[in-house]
Amino acid sequence: MARRKAENASTAQEAAYKALQKAEAGELIAKDGRRMSPKSVQNLRPAPPLNQRPEEEAKAIHQAGQKASTQAQAKRRTIREIYNDLLELPAELDDQTPEDLATAAQQMAQQKGKSLTVYESIAVAMAARARAGDVKAAAFVRDSAGDKPTDQVQVTDAITEGDRALLAKLSAMSDQETD
């Protein structure tokens, strides 16, 4: 663990040195578009790791991360929700290409004020393959949408007379214990 910390420290030092060189050459640009001076780069210091911070501060950081993670999970749509939206599109689009389906999905996402995620684009691609006649893709879409047929197992002559007698004895014993 100490070696990993030393490696991380040396990596951070190398990155700071490279940033300083770029700033001196006038090539380092901040996110807001302005050039960074070498003095501003020298003022940058890495934040201390959580295990070196006060307990209350570390706890607050952990709680903030947990809250953000929970919110991100709540925003993420399940594949079932994605397919429910896709499968509600009009069926009269027989000559619809996969690109048209992707465009329709993108428009649906924009109406909700979001952009199409990679996860959703994969779902769209599978729906397009299913629409083109790929049976495995159609089964995947059906199953993911929640319409997977259940497997039924038929059991015949599994309980013998001896089994029935044993069950009757067990039932009688449990009735006696509850009294």
C-alpha atoms as a PDB file:
ATOM      1  CA  MET A   1       0.000   0.000   0.000  1.00  0.00           C
ATOM      2  CA  ALA A   2       2.856   2.349   0.793  1.00  0.00           C
ATOM      3  CA  ARG A   3       4.346   1.627  -2.616  1.00  0.00           C
ATOM      4  CA  ARG A   4       1.043   2.477  -4.319  1.00  0.00           C
ATOM      5  CA  LYS A   5       0.894   5.794  -2.416  1.00  0.00           C
ATOM      6  CA  ALA A   6       4.451   6.554  -3.509  1.00  0.00           C
ATOM      7  CA  GLU A   7       3.562   5.715  -7.123  1.00  0.00           C
ATOM      8  CA  ASN A   8       0.478   7.948  -6.969  1.00  0.00           C
ATOM      9  CA  ALA A   9       2.526  10.758  -5.440  1.00  0.00           C
ATOM     10  CA  SER A  10       5.172  10.474  -8.137  1.00  0.00           C
ATOM     11  CA  THR A  11       2.476  10.398 -10.830  1.00  0.00           C
ATOM     12  CA  ALA A  12       0.902  13.538  -9.359  1.00  0.00           C
ATOM     13  CA  GLN A  13       4.304  15.230  -9.216  1.00  0.00           C
ATOM     14  CA  GLU A  14       4.990  14.302 -12.849  1.00  0.00           C
ATOM     15  CA  ALA A  15       1.601  15.686 -13.898  1.00  0.00           C
ATOM     16  CA  ALA A  16       2.230  18.906 -11.974  1.00  0.00           C
ATOM     17  CA  TYR A  17       5.656  19.252 -13.594  1.00  0.00           C
ATOM     18  CA  LYS A  18       4.191  18.736 -17.088  1.00  0.00           C
ATOM     19  CA  ALA A  19       1.434  21.268 -16.359  1.00  0.00           C
ATOM     20  CA  LEU A  20       4.041  23.771 -15.190  1.00  0.00           C
ATOM     21  CA  GLN A  21       6.036  23.278 -18.403  1.00  0.00           C
ATOM     22  CA  LYS A  22       2.921  23.811 -20.528  1.00  0.00           C
ATOM     23  CA  ALA A  23       2.016  26.927 -18.534  1.00  0.00           C
ATOM     24  CA  GLU A  24       5.503  28.345 -19.039  1.00  0.00           C
ATOM     25  CA  ALA A  25       5.169  27.732 -22.778  1.00  0.00           C
ATOM     26  CA  GLY A  26       1.717  29.384 -22.768  1.00  0.00           C
ATOM     27  CA  GLU A  27      -0.010  26.156 -23.866  1.00  0.00           C
ATOM     28  CA  LEU A  28      -2.036  25.401 -20.729  1.00  0.00           C
ATOM     29  CA  ILE A  29      -5.660  26.470 -21.115  1.00  0.00           C
ATOM     30  CA  ALA A  30      -8.176  26.406 -18.237  1.00  0.00           C
ATOM     31  CA  LYS A  31     -11.704  25.019 -18.689  1.00  0.00           C
ATOM     32  CA  ASP A  32     -13.097  28.518 -19.053  1.00  0.00           C
ATOM     33  CA  GLY A  33     -10.753  29.206 -21.992  1.00  0.00           C
ATOM     34  CA  ARG A  34      -8.138  31.467 -20.402  1.00  0.00           C
ATOM     35  CA  ARG A  35      -4.420  30.761 -20.372  1.00  0.00           C
ATOM     36  CA  MET A  36      -2.983  29.647 -17.046  1.00  0.00           C
ATOM     37  CA  SER A  37       0.178  31.292 -15.783  1.00  0.00           C
ATOM     38  CA  PRO A  38       3.017  29.315 -14.193  1.00  0.00           C
ATOM     39  CA  LYS A  39       2.277  30.982 -10.832  1.00  0.00           C
ATOM     40  CA  SER A  40      -1.324  29.734 -10.846  1.00  0.00           C
ATOM     41  CA  VAL A  41      -0.101  26.195 -11.570  1.00  0.00           C
ATOM     42  CA  GLN A  42       2.362  26.389  -8.675  1.00  0.00           C
ATOM     43  CA  ASN A  43      -0.512  27.317  -6.340  1.00  0.00           C
ATOM     44  CA  LEU A  44      -2.341  24.091  -7.145  1.00  0.00           C
ATOM     45  CA  ARG A  45      -2.045  21.471  -4.434  1.00  0.00           C
ATOM     46  CA  PRO A  46      -3.599  18.004  -4.385  1.00  0.00           C
ATOM     47  CA  ALA A  47      -6.296  17.447  -1.783  1.00  0.00           C
ATOM     48  CA  PRO A  48      -5.321  15.198   1.126  1.00  0.00           C
ATOM     49  CA  PRO A  49      -6.746  11.651   1.028  1.00  0.00           C
ATOM     50  CA  LEU A  50      -9.823  10.898   3.128  1.00  0.00           C
ATOM     51  CA  ASN A  51      -7.885   8.877   5.690  1.00  0.00           C
ATOM     52  CA  GLN A  52      -5.799  11.992   6.473  1.00  0.00           C
ATOM     53  CA  ARG A  53      -8.779  14.315   6.959  1.00  0.00           C
ATOM     54  CA  PRO A  54     -10.731  14.894  10.183  1.00  0.00           C
ATOM     55  CA  GLU A  55     -13.331  12.199  10.813  1.00  0.00           C
ATOM     56  CA  GLU A  56     -16.305  14.565  10.481  1.00  0.00           C
ATOM     57  CA  GLU A  57     -15.059  15.938   7.160  1.00  0.00           C
ATOM     58  CA  ALA A  58     -14.407  12.457   5.750  1.00  0.00           C
ATOM     59  CA  LYS A  59     -17.872  11.369   6.870  1.00  0.00           C
ATOM     60  CA  ALA A  60     -19.451  14.390   5.169  1.00  0.00           C
ATOM     61  CA  ILE A  61     -17.607  13.614   1.928  1.00  0.00           C
ATOM     62  CA  HIS A  62     -18.723   9.967   2.055  1.00  0.00           C
ATOM     63  CA  GLN A  63     -22.333  11.014   2.676  1.00  0.00           C
ATOM     64  CA  ALA A  64     -22.263  13.484  -0.217  1.00  0.00           C
ATOM     65  CA  GLY A  65     -20.909  10.778  -2.516  1.00  0.00           C
ATOM     66  CA  GLN A  66     -23.577   8.321  -1.396  1.00  0.00           C
ATOM     67  CA  LYS A  67     -26.304  10.907  -1.970  1.00  0.00           C
ATOM     68  CA  ALA A  68     -25.008  11.660  -5.476  1.00  0.00           C
ATOM     69  CA  SER A  69     -24.802   7.950  -6.267  1.00  0.00           C
ATOM     70  CA  THR A  70     -28.381   7.383  -5.118  1.00  0.00           C
ATOM     71  CA  GLN A  71     -29.610  10.299  -7.240  1.00  0.00           C
ATOM     72  CA  ALA A  72     -27.749   8.998 -10.297  1.00  0.00           C
ATOM     73  CA  GLN A  73     -29.279   5.550  -9.857  1.00  0.00           C
ATOM     74  CA  ALA A  74     -32.740   7.059  -9.541  1.00  0.00           C
ATOM     75  CA  LYS A  75     -32.265   8.956 -12.826  1.00  0.00           C
ATOM     76  CA  ARG A  76     -31.077   5.877 -14.708  1.00  0.00           C
ATOM     77  CA  ARG A  77     -33.857   4.168 -16.604  1.00  0.00           C
ATOM     78  CA  THR A  78     -34.124   0.414 -16.589  1.00  0.00           C
ATOM     79  CA  ILE A  79     -33.999  -1.483 -19.858  1.00  0.00           C
ATOM     80  CA  ARG A  80     -37.615  -2.467 -19.229  1.00  0.00           C
ATOM     81  CA  GLU A  81     -38.652   1.220 -19.177  1.00  0.00           C
ATOM     82  CA  ILE A  82     -36.638   1.884 -22.333  1.00  0.00           C
ATOM     83  CA  TYR A  83     -38.279  -0.978 -24.204  1.00  0.00           C
ATOM     84  CA  ASN A  84     -41.732  -0.010 -22.966  1.00  0.00           C
ATOM     85  CA  ASP A  85     -41.211   3.403 -24.589  1.00  0.00           C
ATOM     86  CA  LEU A  86     -39.736   1.932 -27.780  1.00  0.00           C
ATOM     87  CA  LEU A  87     -42.449  -0.685 -28.156  1.00  0.00           C
ATOM     88  CA  GLU A  88     -45.121   2.009 -27.941  1.00  0.00           C
ATOM     89  CA  LEU A  89     -43.901   3.591 -31.197  1.00  0.00           C
ATOM     90  CA  PRO A  90     -46.340   3.296 -34.138  1.00  0.00           C
ATOM     91  CA  ALA A  91     -46.135   0.011 -36.054  1.00  0.00           C
ATOM     92  CA  GLU A  92     -47.022   1.550 -39.431  1.00  0.00           C
ATOM     93  CA  LEU A  93     -43.373   2.381 -39.968  1.00  0.00           C
ATOM     94  CA  ASP A  94     -42.634  -0.844 -41.888  1.00  0.00           C
ATOM     95  CA  ASP A  95     -39.966   0.776 -44.035  1.00  0.00           C
ATOM     96  CA  GLN A  96     -38.302   2.298 -40.979  1.00  0.00           C
ATOM     97  CA  THR A  97     -34.533   1.927 -40.938  1.00  0.00           C
ATOM     98  CA  PRO A  98     -32.494   1.435 -37.762  1.00  0.00           C
ATOM     99  CA  GLU A  99     -31.407   5.066 -38.118  1.00  0.00           C
ATOM    100  CA  ASP A 100     -35.072   6.159 -38.162  1.00  0.00           C
ATOM    101  CA  LEU A 101     -35.701   4.158 -35.004  1.00  0.00           C
ATOM    102  CA  ALA A 102     -32.649   5.746 -33.369  1.00  0.00           C
ATOM    103  CA  THR A 103     -33.884   9.197 -34.389  1.00  0.00           C
ATOM    104  CA  ALA A 104     -37.314   8.481 -32.919  1.00  0.00           C
ATOM    105  CA  ALA A 105     -35.713   7.303 -29.671  1.00  0.00           C
ATOM    106  CA  GLN A 106     -33.531  10.425 -29.576  1.00  0.00           C
ATOM    107  CA  GLN A 107     -36.605  12.622 -30.050  1.00  0.00           C
ATOM    108  CA  MET A 108     -38.410  10.796 -27.236  1.00  0.00           C
ATOM    109  CA  ALA A 109     -35.428  11.402 -24.961  1.00  0.00           C
ATOM    110  CA  GLN A 110     -35.298  15.096 -25.925  1.00  0.00           C
ATOM    111  CA  GLN A 111     -39.002  15.476 -25.149  1.00  0.00           C
ATOM    112  CA  LYS A 112     -38.194  14.283 -21.644  1.00  0.00           C
ATOM    113  CA  GLY A 113     -35.340  16.786 -21.463  1.00  0.00           C
ATOM    114  CA  LYS A 114     -32.592  14.172 -21.658  1.00  0.00           C
ATOM    115  CA  SER A 115     -30.159  12.870 -24.233  1.00  0.00           C
ATOM    116  CA  LEU A 116     -29.913   9.287 -25.408  1.00  0.00           C
ATOM    117  CA  THR A 117     -27.439   7.316 -23.296  1.00  0.00           C
ATOM    118  CA  VAL A 118     -25.204   4.531 -24.571  1.00  0.00           C
ATOM    119  CA  TYR A 119     -27.358   2.069 -22.607  1.00  0.00           C
ATOM    120  CA  GLU A 120     -30.463   3.319 -24.388  1.00  0.00           C
ATOM    121  CA  SER A 121     -28.751   3.298 -27.782  1.00  0.00           C
ATOM    122  CA  ILE A 122     -27.842  -0.378 -27.267  1.00  0.00           C
ATOM    123  CA  ALA A 123     -31.507  -1.072 -26.521  1.00  0.00           C
ATOM    124  CA  VAL A 124     -32.468   0.780 -29.715  1.00  0.00           C
ATOM    125  CA  ALA A 125     -29.949  -1.247 -31.729  1.00  0.00           C
ATOM    126  CA  MET A 126     -31.367  -4.517 -30.398  1.00  0.00           C
ATOM    127  CA  ALA A 127     -34.908  -3.341 -31.200  1.00  0.00           C
ATOM    128  CA  ALA A 128     -33.795  -2.443 -34.734  1.00  0.00           C
ATOM    129  CA  ARG A 129     -32.238  -5.899 -35.180  1.00  0.00           C
ATOM    130  CA  ALA A 130     -35.435  -7.499 -33.860  1.00  0.00           C
ATOM    131  CA  ARG A 131     -37.505  -5.425 -36.292  1.00  0.00           C
ATOM    132  CA  ALA A 132     -35.232  -6.553 -39.134  1.00  0.00           C
ATOM    133  CA  GLY A 133     -36.048 -10.187 -38.352  1.00  0.00           C
ATOM    134  CA  ASP A 134     -33.322 -11.329 -35.942  1.00  0.00           C
ATOM    135  CA  VAL A 135     -35.120 -13.912 -33.800  1.00  0.00           C
ATOM    136  CA  LYS A 136     -32.570 -13.832 -30.962  1.00  0.00           C
ATOM    137  CA  ALA A 137     -32.797 -10.040 -30.797  1.00  0.00           C
ATOM    138  CA  ALA A 138     -36.603 -10.280 -30.786  1.00  0.00           C
ATOM    139  CA  ALA A 139     -36.461 -12.750 -27.880  1.00  0.00           C
ATOM    140  CA  PHE A 140     -34.066 -10.436 -26.022  1.00  0.00           C
ATOM    141  CA  VAL A 141     -36.374  -7.438 -26.517  1.00  0.00           C
ATOM    142  CA  ARG A 142     -39.437  -9.454 -25.472  1.00  0.00           C
ATOM    143  CA  ASP A 143     -37.714 -10.785 -22.352  1.00  0.00           C
ATOM    144  CA  SER A 144     -36.267  -7.378 -21.427  1.00  0.00           C
ATOM    145  CA  ALA A 145     -39.666  -5.720 -21.820  1.00  0.00           C
ATOM    146  CA  GLY A 146     -41.054  -8.102 -19.199  1.00  0.00           C
ATOM    147  CA  ASP A 147     -42.999 -10.420 -21.491  1.00  0.00           C
ATOM    148  CA  LYS A 148     -40.825 -13.480 -20.991  1.00  0.00           C
ATOM    149  CA  PRO A 149     -42.970 -16.609 -20.925  1.00  0.00           C
ATOM    150  CA  THR A 150     -42.610 -18.641 -17.770  1.00  0.00           C
ATOM    151  CA  ASP A 151     -41.261 -22.153 -17.936  1.00  0.00           C
ATOM    152  CA  GLN A 152     -43.779 -24.635 -16.604  1.00  0.00           C
ATOM    153  CA  VAL A 153     -42.653 -27.947 -15.196  1.00  0.00           C
ATOM    154  CA  GLN A 154     -45.205 -30.695 -15.014  1.00  0.00           C
ATOM    155  CA  VAL A 155     -44.751 -33.159 -12.179  1.00  0.00           C
ATOM    156  CA  THR A 156     -46.616 -36.428 -12.401  1.00  0.00           C
ATOM    157  CA  ASP A 157     -46.738 -39.232  -9.847  1.00  0.00           C
ATOM    158  CA  ALA A 158     -44.092 -37.577  -7.741  1.00  0.00           C
ATOM    159  CA  ILE A 159     -45.903 -38.168  -4.431  1.00  0.00           C
ATOM    160  CA  THR A 160     -46.310 -41.785  -3.423  1.00  0.00           C
ATOM    161  CA  GLU A 161     -48.644 -43.176  -0.775  1.00  0.00           C
ATOM    162  CA  GLY A 162     -45.724 -43.360   1.665  1.00  0.00           C
ATOM    163  CA  ASP A 163     -44.988 -39.661   1.058  1.00  0.00           C
ATOM    164  CA  ARG A 164     -48.638 -38.788   1.719  1.00  0.00           C
ATOM    165  CA  ALA A 165     -48.573 -40.744   4.980  1.00  0.00           C
ATOM    166  CA  LEU A 166     -45.404 -38.969   6.084  1.00  0.00           C
ATOM    167  CA  LEU A 167     -46.936 -35.578   5.254  1.00  0.00           C
ATOM    168  CA  ALA A 168     -50.034 -36.462   7.284  1.00  0.00           C
ATOM    169  CA  LYS A 169     -47.847 -37.414  10.291  1.00  0.00           C
ATOM    170  CA  LEU A 170     -45.862 -34.171  10.013  1.00  0.00           C
ATOM    171  CA  SER A 171     -49.047 -32.137   9.774  1.00  0.00           C
ATOM    172  CA  ALA A 172     -50.464 -33.889  12.871  1.00  0.00           C
ATOM    173  CA  MET A 173     -47.224 -33.232  14.777  1.00  0.00           C
ATOM    174  CA  SER A 174     -47.235 -29.525  13.895  1.00  0.00           C
ATOM    175  CA  ASP A 175     -50.903 -29.284  14.966  1.00  0.00           C
ATOM    176  CA  GLN A 176     -50.024 -30.805  18.358  1.00  0.00           C
ATOM    177  CA  GLU A 177     -47.141 -28.368  18.879  1.00  0.00           C
ATOM    178  CA  THR A 178     -49.349 -25.334  18.246  1.00  0.00           C
ATOM    179  CA  ASP A 179     -51.991 -26.455  20.763  1.00  0.00           C
END
